[in-house]
């Protein structure tokens, strides 16, 4: 689906920026974008899945617990 692919491209660039300049704003954008992709019944491309691993170092434990529940 073109919409999901577009969101994956956007997510890629947000993740790139997050890697260079970690901020709460970018972290929230990543969480919103991944949620939108899932709501479209799309899947996150493998390149983005790999890049999403950096988030675990940036997200406080309380957020991780809330996200996983």
PDB file of N, CA and C in Angstrom:
ATOM      1  N   UNK A   1       0.838  -1.181   0.000  1.00  0.00           N
ATOM      2  CA  UNK A   1       0.000   0.000   0.000  1.00  0.00           C
ATOM      3  C   UNK A   1       0.888   1.252   0.000  1.00  0.00           C
ATOM      4  N   UNK A   2       0.580   2.191  -0.871  1.00  0.00           N
ATOM      5  CA  UNK A   2       1.408   3.393  -1.004  1.00  0.00           C
ATOM      6  C   UNK A   2       1.415   4.246   0.257  1.00  0.00           C
ATOM      7  N   UNK A   3       0.274   4.312   0.942  1.00  0.00           N
ATOM      8  CA  UNK A   3       0.187   5.126   2.155  1.00  0.00           C
ATOM      9  C   UNK A   3       1.117   4.575   3.237  1.00  0.00           C
ATOM     10  N   UNK A   4       1.099   3.263   3.414  1.00  0.00           N
ATOM     11  CA  UNK A   4       1.964   2.627   4.418  1.00  0.00           C
ATOM     12  C   UNK A   4       3.434   2.803   4.034  1.00  0.00           C
ATOM     13  N   UNK A   5       3.739   2.670   2.749  1.00  0.00           N
ATOM     14  CA  UNK A   5       5.126   2.851   2.310  1.00  0.00           C
ATOM     15  C   UNK A   5       5.576   4.287   2.570  1.00  0.00           C
ATOM     16  N   UNK A   6       4.689   5.245   2.315  1.00  0.00           N
ATOM     17  CA  UNK A   6       5.010   6.643   2.595  1.00  0.00           C
ATOM     18  C   UNK A   6       5.265   6.877   4.076  1.00  0.00           C
ATOM     19  N   UNK A   7       4.448   6.239   4.917  1.00  0.00           N
ATOM     20  CA  UNK A   7       4.646   6.379   6.360  1.00  0.00           C
ATOM     21  C   UNK A   7       5.956   5.731   6.791  1.00  0.00           C
ATOM     22  N   UNK A   8       6.313   4.611   6.171  1.00  0.00           N
ATOM     23  CA  UNK A   8       7.586   3.954   6.481  1.00  0.00           C
ATOM     24  C   UNK A   8       8.767   4.842   6.088  1.00  0.00           C
ATOM     25  N   UNK A   9       8.632   5.538   4.963  1.00  0.00           N
ATOM     26  CA  UNK A   9       9.697   6.457   4.541  1.00  0.00           C
ATOM     27  C   UNK A   9       9.812   7.603   5.544  1.00  0.00           C
ATOM     28  N   UNK A  10       8.674   8.150   5.950  1.00  0.00           N
ATOM     29  CA  UNK A  10       8.680   9.206   6.960  1.00  0.00           C
ATOM     30  C   UNK A  10       9.285   8.733   8.265  1.00  0.00           C
ATOM     31  N   UNK A  11       8.922   7.516   8.661  1.00  0.00           N
ATOM     32  CA  UNK A  11       9.462   6.932   9.890  1.00  0.00           C
ATOM     33  C   UNK A  11      10.975   6.786   9.795  1.00  0.00           C
ATOM     34  N   UNK A  12      11.466   6.378   8.640  1.00  0.00           N
ATOM     35  CA  UNK A  12      12.904   6.233   8.430  1.00  0.00           C
ATOM     36  C   UNK A  12      13.627   7.547   8.719  1.00  0.00           C
ATOM     37  N   UNK A  13      13.111   8.636   8.160  1.00  0.00           N
ATOM     38  CA  UNK A  13      13.771   9.933   8.350  1.00  0.00           C
ATOM     39  C   UNK A  13      13.664  10.431   9.790  1.00  0.00           C
ATOM     40  N   UNK A  14      12.547  10.151  10.441  1.00  0.00           N
ATOM     41  CA  UNK A  14      12.412  10.526  11.852  1.00  0.00           C
ATOM     42  C   UNK A  14      13.419   9.741  12.694  1.00  0.00           C
ATOM     43  N   UNK A  15      13.560   8.452  12.405  1.00  0.00           N
ATOM     44  CA  UNK A  15      14.515   7.624  13.149  1.00  0.00           C
ATOM     45  C   UNK A  15      15.952   8.094  12.919  1.00  0.00           C
ATOM     46  N   UNK A  16      16.254   8.516  11.689  1.00  0.00           N
ATOM     47  CA  UNK A  16      17.589   9.044  11.400  1.00  0.00           C
ATOM     48  C   UNK A  16      17.862  10.288  12.240  1.00  0.00           C
ATOM     49  N   UNK A  17      16.886  11.179  12.296  1.00  0.00           N
ATOM     50  CA  UNK A  17      17.041  12.409  13.074  1.00  0.00           C
ATOM     51  C   UNK A  17      17.130  12.099  14.567  1.00  0.00           C
ATOM     52  N   UNK A  18      16.340  11.127  15.016  1.00  0.00           N
ATOM     53  CA  UNK A  18      16.348  10.737  16.426  1.00  0.00           C
ATOM     54  C   UNK A  18      17.718  10.210  16.836  1.00  0.00           C
ATOM     55  N   UNK A  19      18.349   9.484  15.919  1.00  0.00           N
ATOM     56  CA  UNK A  19      19.679   8.941  16.200  1.00  0.00           C
ATOM     57  C   UNK A  19      20.700  10.075  16.376  1.00  0.00           C
ATOM     58  N   UNK A  20      20.565  11.128  15.569  1.00  0.00           N
ATOM     59  CA  UNK A  20      21.490  12.261  15.643  1.00  0.00           C
ATOM     60  C   UNK A  20      21.179  13.190  16.811  1.00  0.00           C
ATOM     61  N   UNK A  21      19.888  13.370  17.076  1.00  0.00           N
ATOM     62  CA  UNK A  21      19.462  14.366  18.053  1.00  0.00           C
ATOM     63  C   UNK A  21      18.291  13.823  18.870  1.00  0.00           C
ATOM     64  N   UNK A  22      18.568  12.979  19.865  1.00  0.00           N
ATOM     65  CA  UNK A  22      17.484  12.396  20.663  1.00  0.00           C
ATOM     66  C   UNK A  22      16.660  13.479  21.364  1.00  0.00           C
ATOM     67  N   UNK A  23      15.350  13.408  21.185  1.00  0.00           N
ATOM     68  CA  UNK A  23      14.463  14.349  21.870  1.00  0.00           C
ATOM     69  C   UNK A  23      13.122  13.675  22.124  1.00  0.00           C
ATOM     70  N   UNK A  24      12.421  14.161  23.117  1.00  0.00           N
ATOM     71  CA  UNK A  24      11.107  13.611  23.448  1.00  0.00           C
ATOM     72  C   UNK A  24      10.145  13.801  22.286  1.00  0.00           C
ATOM     73  N   UNK A  25      10.228  14.953  21.622  1.00  0.00           N
ATOM     74  CA  UNK A  25       9.341  15.241  20.491  1.00  0.00           C
ATOM     75  C   UNK A  25       9.502  14.202  19.381  1.00  0.00           C
ATOM     76  N   UNK A  26      10.737  13.900  19.025  1.00  0.00           N
ATOM     77  CA  UNK A  26      10.982  12.907  17.974  1.00  0.00           C
ATOM     78  C   UNK A  26      10.561  11.515  18.423  1.00  0.00           C
ATOM     79  N   UNK A  27      10.772  11.218  19.675  1.00  0.00           N
ATOM     80  CA  UNK A  27      10.366   9.926  20.217  1.00  0.00           C
ATOM     81  C   UNK A  27       8.855   9.752  20.101  1.00  0.00           C
ATOM     82  N   UNK A  28       8.113  10.794  20.428  1.00  0.00           N
ATOM     83  CA  UNK A  28       6.651  10.745  20.310  1.00  0.00           C
ATOM     84  C   UNK A  28       6.246  10.588  18.851  1.00  0.00           C
ATOM     85  N   UNK A  29       6.930  11.282  17.941  1.00  0.00           N
ATOM     86  CA  UNK A  29       6.628  11.155  16.508  1.00  0.00           C
ATOM     87  C   UNK A  29       6.812   9.711  16.044  1.00  0.00           C
ATOM     88  N   UNK A  30       7.870   9.070  16.523  1.00  0.00           N
ATOM     89  CA  UNK A  30       8.121   7.670  16.156  1.00  0.00           C
ATOM     90  C   UNK A  30       6.983   6.782  16.654  1.00  0.00           C
ATOM     91  N   UNK A  31       6.578   6.980  17.902  1.00  0.00           N
ATOM     92  CA  UNK A  31       5.504   6.161  18.468  1.00  0.00           C
ATOM     93  C   UNK A  31       4.192   6.381  17.728  1.00  0.00           C
ATOM     94  N   UNK A  32       3.894   7.631  17.372  1.00  0.00           N
ATOM     95  CA  UNK A  32       2.670   7.934  16.624  1.00  0.00           C
ATOM     96  C   UNK A  32       2.733   7.310  15.235  1.00  0.00           C
ATOM     97  N   UNK A  33       3.864   7.440  14.563  1.00  0.00           N
ATOM     98  CA  UNK A  33       3.994   6.913  13.205  1.00  0.00           C
ATOM     99  C   UNK A  33       3.880   5.390  13.190  1.00  0.00           C
ATOM    100  N   UNK A  34       4.510   4.712  14.133  1.00  0.00           N
ATOM    101  CA  UNK A  34       4.395   3.251  14.168  1.00  0.00           C
ATOM    102  C   UNK A  34       2.959   2.835  14.458  1.00  0.00           C
ATOM    103  N   UNK A  35       2.274   3.586  15.292  1.00  0.00           N
ATOM    104  CA  UNK A  35       0.871   3.305  15.592  1.00  0.00           C
ATOM    105  C   UNK A  35       0.006   3.484  14.349  1.00  0.00           C
ATOM    106  N   UNK A  36       0.255   4.539  13.584  1.00  0.00           N
ATOM    107  CA  UNK A  36      -0.513   4.789  12.359  1.00  0.00           C
ATOM    108  C   UNK A  36      -0.296   3.673  11.339  1.00  0.00           C
ATOM    109  N   UNK A  37       0.939   3.216  11.228  1.00  0.00           N
ATOM    110  CA  UNK A  37       1.240   2.128  10.291  1.00  0.00           C
ATOM    111  C   UNK A  37       0.469   0.876  10.695  1.00  0.00           C
ATOM    112  N   UNK A  38       0.460   0.559  11.976  1.00  0.00           N
ATOM    113  CA  UNK A  38      -0.257  -0.623  12.454  1.00  0.00           C
ATOM    114  C   UNK A  38      -1.763  -0.479  12.268  1.00  0.00           C
ATOM    115  N   UNK A  39      -2.309   0.730  12.450  1.00  0.00           N
ATOM    116  CA  UNK A  39      -3.749   0.952  12.258  1.00  0.00           C
ATOM    117  C   UNK A  39      -4.157   0.762  10.803  1.00  0.00           C
ATOM    118  N   UNK A  40      -3.239   1.016   9.889  1.00  0.00           N
ATOM    119  CA  UNK A  40      -3.502   0.803   8.462  1.00  0.00           C
ATOM    120  C   UNK A  40      -3.334  -0.675   8.085  1.00  0.00           C
ATOM    121  N   UNK A  41      -3.101  -1.495   9.091  1.00  0.00           N
ATOM    122  CA  UNK A  41      -2.837  -2.930   8.905  1.00  0.00           C
ATOM    123  C   UNK A  41      -1.614  -3.165   8.015  1.00  0.00           C
ATOM    124  N   UNK A  42      -0.680  -2.218   8.127  1.00  0.00           N
ATOM    125  CA  UNK A  42       0.566  -2.337   7.389  1.00  0.00           C
ATOM    126  C   UNK A  42       1.642  -2.880   8.300  1.00  0.00           C
ATOM    127  N   UNK A  43       2.798  -3.070   7.736  1.00  0.00           N
ATOM    128  CA  UNK A  43       3.908  -3.541   8.561  1.00  0.00           C
ATOM    129  C   UNK A  43       5.086  -2.592   8.405  1.00  0.00           C
ATOM    130  N   UNK A  44       5.865  -2.532   9.446  1.00  0.00           N
ATOM    131  CA  UNK A  44       7.054  -1.689   9.457  1.00  0.00           C
ATOM    132  C   UNK A  44       8.149  -2.441   8.712  1.00  0.00           C
ATOM    133  N   UNK A  45       8.799  -1.754   7.778  1.00  0.00           N
ATOM    134  CA  UNK A  45       9.832  -2.421   6.986  1.00  0.00           C
ATOM    135  C   UNK A  45      11.010  -2.812   7.876  1.00  0.00           C
ATOM    136  N   UNK A  46      11.728  -3.838   7.456  1.00  0.00           N
ATOM    137  CA  UNK A  46      12.793  -4.406   8.291  1.00  0.00           C
ATOM    138  C   UNK A  46      13.879  -3.388   8.630  1.00  0.00           C
ATOM    139  N   UNK A  47      14.194  -2.491   7.710  1.00  0.00           N
ATOM    140  CA  UNK A  47      15.204  -1.467   7.986  1.00  0.00           C
ATOM    141  C   UNK A  47      14.769  -0.596   9.162  1.00  0.00           C
ATOM    142  N   UNK A  48      13.494  -0.223   9.189  1.00  0.00           N
ATOM    143  CA  UNK A  48      12.988   0.584  10.301  1.00  0.00           C
ATOM    144  C   UNK A  48      12.921  -0.224  11.588  1.00  0.00           C
ATOM    145  N   UNK A  49      12.579  -1.502  11.485  1.00  0.00           N
ATOM    146  CA  UNK A  49      12.542  -2.346  12.684  1.00  0.00           C
ATOM    147  C   UNK A  49      13.911  -2.388  13.346  1.00  0.00           C
ATOM    148  N   UNK A  50      14.934  -2.465  12.529  1.00  0.00           N
ATOM    149  CA  UNK A  50      16.303  -2.486  13.050  1.00  0.00           C
ATOM    150  C   UNK A  50      16.621  -1.164  13.744  1.00  0.00           C
ATOM    151  N   UNK A  51      16.208  -0.073  13.134  1.00  0.00           N
ATOM    152  CA  UNK A  51      16.474   1.255  13.696  1.00  0.00           C
ATOM    153  C   UNK A  51      15.640   1.530  14.943  1.00  0.00           C
ATOM    154  N   UNK A  52      14.496   0.873  15.064  1.00  0.00           N
ATOM    155  CA  UNK A  52      13.644   1.066  16.237  1.00  0.00           C
ATOM    156  C   UNK A  52      14.310   0.560  17.520  1.00  0.00           C
ATOM    157  N   UNK A  53      15.311  -0.281  17.374  1.00  0.00           N
ATOM    158  CA  UNK A  53      15.995  -0.824  18.545  1.00  0.00           C
ATOM    159  C   UNK A  53      16.682   0.263  19.364  1.00  0.00           C
ATOM    160  N   UNK A  54      17.038   1.390  18.740  1.00  0.00           N
ATOM    161  CA  UNK A  54      17.695   2.469  19.494  1.00  0.00           C
ATOM    162  C   UNK A  54      16.741   3.104  20.495  1.00  0.00           C
ATOM    163  N   UNK A  55      15.454   2.961  20.261  1.00  0.00           N
ATOM    164  CA  UNK A  55      14.470   3.585  21.146  1.00  0.00           C
ATOM    165  C   UNK A  55      14.549   3.009  22.550  1.00  0.00           C
ATOM    166  N   UNK A  56      14.852   1.742  22.674  1.00  0.00           N
ATOM    167  CA  UNK A  56      14.882   1.130  24.004  1.00  0.00           C
ATOM    168  C   UNK A  56      15.875   1.825  24.930  1.00  0.00           C
ATOM    169  N   UNK A  57      16.921   2.404  24.372  1.00  0.00           N
ATOM    170  CA  UNK A  57      17.887   3.137  25.192  1.00  0.00           C
ATOM    171  C   UNK A  57      17.391   4.533  25.554  1.00  0.00           C
ATOM    172  N   UNK A  58      16.425   5.040  24.795  1.00  0.00           N
ATOM    173  CA  UNK A  58      15.961   6.413  24.990  1.00  0.00           C
ATOM    174  C   UNK A  58      14.701   6.522  25.837  1.00  0.00           C
ATOM    175  N   UNK A  59      13.925   5.446  25.867  1.00  0.00           N
ATOM    176  CA  UNK A  59      12.636   5.492  26.553  1.00  0.00           C
ATOM    177  C   UNK A  59      12.803   5.108  28.019  1.00  0.00           C
ATOM    178  N   UNK A  60      12.294   5.943  28.919  1.00  0.00           N
ATOM    179  CA  UNK A  60      12.338   5.578  30.339  1.00  0.00           C
ATOM    180  C   UNK A  60      11.548   4.294  30.606  1.00  0.00           C
ATOM    181  N   UNK A  61      11.896   3.607  31.654  1.00  0.00           N
ATOM    182  CA  UNK A  61      11.283   2.323  31.997  1.00  0.00           C
ATOM    183  C   UNK A  61       9.766   2.426  32.095  1.00  0.00           C
ATOM    184  N   UNK A  62       9.251   3.494  32.682  1.00  0.00           N
ATOM    185  CA  UNK A  62       7.801   3.648  32.843  1.00  0.00           C
ATOM    186  C   UNK A  62       7.097   3.662  31.491  1.00  0.00           C
ATOM    187  N   UNK A  63       7.702   4.328  30.500  1.00  0.00           N
ATOM    188  CA  UNK A  63       7.103   4.362  29.169  1.00  0.00           C
ATOM    189  C   UNK A  63       7.133   2.978  28.535  1.00  0.00           C
ATOM    190  N   UNK A  64       8.255   2.274  28.717  1.00  0.00           N
ATOM    191  CA  UNK A  64       8.365   0.928  28.152  1.00  0.00           C
ATOM    192  C   UNK A  64       7.267   0.031  28.696  1.00  0.00           C
ATOM    193  N   UNK A  65       7.030   0.106  29.999  1.00  0.00           N
ATOM    194  CA  UNK A  65       5.992  -0.724  30.609  1.00  0.00           C
ATOM    195  C   UNK A  65       4.620  -0.353  30.069  1.00  0.00           C
ATOM    196  N   UNK A  66       4.365   0.929  29.881  1.00  0.00           N
ATOM    197  CA  UNK A  66       3.071   1.372  29.353  1.00  0.00           C
ATOM    198  C   UNK A  66       2.893   0.936  27.909  1.00  0.00           C
ATOM    199  N   UNK A  67       3.943   1.025  27.117  1.00  0.00           N
ATOM    200  CA  UNK A  67       3.872   0.638  25.710  1.00  0.00           C
ATOM    201  C   UNK A  67       3.622  -0.858  25.578  1.00  0.00           C
ATOM    202  N   UNK A  68       4.250  -1.645  26.414  1.00  0.00           N
ATOM    203  CA  UNK A  68       4.132  -3.102  26.324  1.00  0.00           C
ATOM    204  C   UNK A  68       2.814  -3.631  26.870  1.00  0.00           C
ATOM    205  N   UNK A  69       2.084  -2.824  27.629  1.00  0.00           N
ATOM    206  CA  UNK A  69       0.838  -3.320  28.228  1.00  0.00           C
ATOM    207  C   UNK A  69      -0.352  -3.142  27.309  1.00  0.00           C
TER     208      UNK A  69
END
